[in-house]
Protein backbone atom coordinates (compact mmCIF):
# COMPACT_ATOMS: atom_id res chain seq x y z
CA UNK A 1 -0.15 -0.34 0.21
CA UNK A 2 1.26 3.51 -0.83
CA UNK A 3 1.07 5.99 1.63
CA UNK A 4 0.02 9.58 0.90
CA UNK A 5 1.34 12.17 1.82
CA UNK A 6 0.73 14.53 4.36
CA UNK A 7 0.77 18.26 4.71
CA UNK A 8 0.71 21.20 2.21
CA UNK A 9 2.38 20.49 -0.90
CA UNK A 10 3.36 21.47 -4.20
CA UNK A 11 4.09 19.37 -7.45
CA UNK A 12 6.91 19.75 -10.49
CA UNK A 13 10.23 20.74 -10.24
CA UNK A 14 9.35 24.54 -11.13
CA UNK A 15 6.77 24.65 -8.35
CA UNK A 16 9.17 23.12 -5.47
CA UNK A 17 12.23 25.46 -6.61
CA UNK A 18 9.72 28.38 -6.18
CA UNK A 19 8.92 26.88 -3.12
CA UNK A 20 12.40 26.37 -1.54
CA UNK A 21 13.52 30.29 -2.84
CA UNK A 22 10.20 31.12 -0.49
CA UNK A 23 12.37 29.38 2.01
CA UNK A 24 9.15 27.34 2.60
CA UNK A 25 10.05 23.73 1.88
CA UNK A 26 10.37 21.18 4.84
CA UNK A 27 10.79 18.04 2.89
CA UNK A 28 11.85 17.05 -0.93
CA UNK A 29 10.48 14.04 -2.39
CA UNK A 30 12.32 12.94 -5.70
CA UNK A 31 11.39 9.99 -8.00
CA UNK A 32 14.97 7.82 -8.45
CA UNK A 33 13.64 7.34 -12.44
CA UNK A 34 13.30 10.89 -13.19
CA UNK A 35 15.79 12.68 -15.27
CA UNK A 36 19.13 13.49 -13.64
CA UNK A 37 19.46 16.43 -15.74
CA UNK A 38 16.64 18.42 -14.70
CA UNK A 39 16.77 17.62 -10.82
CA UNK A 40 20.37 18.65 -10.30
CA UNK A 41 19.42 21.99 -9.69
CA UNK A 42 16.60 20.90 -7.72
CA UNK A 43 18.91 18.96 -5.59
CA UNK A 44 21.44 21.44 -5.07
CA UNK A 45 19.02 24.39 -3.90
CA UNK A 46 17.64 21.60 -1.38
CA UNK A 47 21.36 21.03 -0.40
CA UNK A 48 21.79 24.80 0.10
CA UNK A 49 18.65 25.00 1.98
CA UNK A 50 18.81 22.26 4.51
CA UNK A 51 15.58 20.54 3.03
CA UNK A 52 15.58 16.96 3.58
CA UNK A 53 15.67 14.90 0.60
CA UNK A 54 13.69 11.70 0.28
CA UNK A 55 14.16 9.42 -2.94
CA UNK A 56 11.15 7.44 -4.11
CA UNK A 57 11.07 4.32 -6.64
CA UNK A 58 9.21 5.79 -9.40
CA UNK A 59 7.42 8.76 -10.95
CA UNK A 60 4.54 6.72 -11.16
CA UNK A 61 4.68 6.01 -7.11
CA UNK A 62 5.23 9.71 -6.21
CA UNK A 63 1.97 10.63 -8.55
CA UNK A 64 0.13 8.21 -6.32
CA UNK A 65 1.48 9.12 -2.70
CA UNK A 66 0.64 13.00 -4.35
CA UNK A 67 -2.95 11.65 -4.85
CA UNK A 68 -2.77 12.40 -8.62
CA UNK A 69 -2.87 10.10 -11.91
CA UNK A 70 0.17 10.84 -13.45
CA UNK A 71 4.10 10.40 -12.71
CA UNK A 72 5.78 13.15 -10.84
CA UNK A 73 9.34 14.07 -10.70
CA UNK A 74 9.25 16.08 -7.44
CA UNK A 75 7.64 17.39 -4.79
CA UNK A 76 7.65 19.19 -1.68
CA UNK A 77 5.81 19.51 1.70
CA UNK A 78 5.72 23.03 3.00
CA UNK A 79 6.37 23.89 6.00
CA UNK A 80 2.84 26.14 6.36
C-alpha cells in the first residue's frame, strides 16, 4: 500500500524550486527514475537550504503518493 503525503505540498520541479526560494520547503521527495539532469539544480537548492530529501522508487509511485493519476518527478512538503 502506498502512503499519501500529508500536509500542504506542491508538485513539479519548477514549483518545488519556487517554494524553496521562498523559504517554504520542509521535505523534498524526488523520483529516482526522473531525469537527473533536470533534478540536479533542485537537489543542490535543497542542500543549500538544509531541506531533507527523500528518494522514491518511481515517478508513478510519487504521483500516487501525491494523490494524482500521473507521475511526478518531485514534490515538496511546505512548512505552512
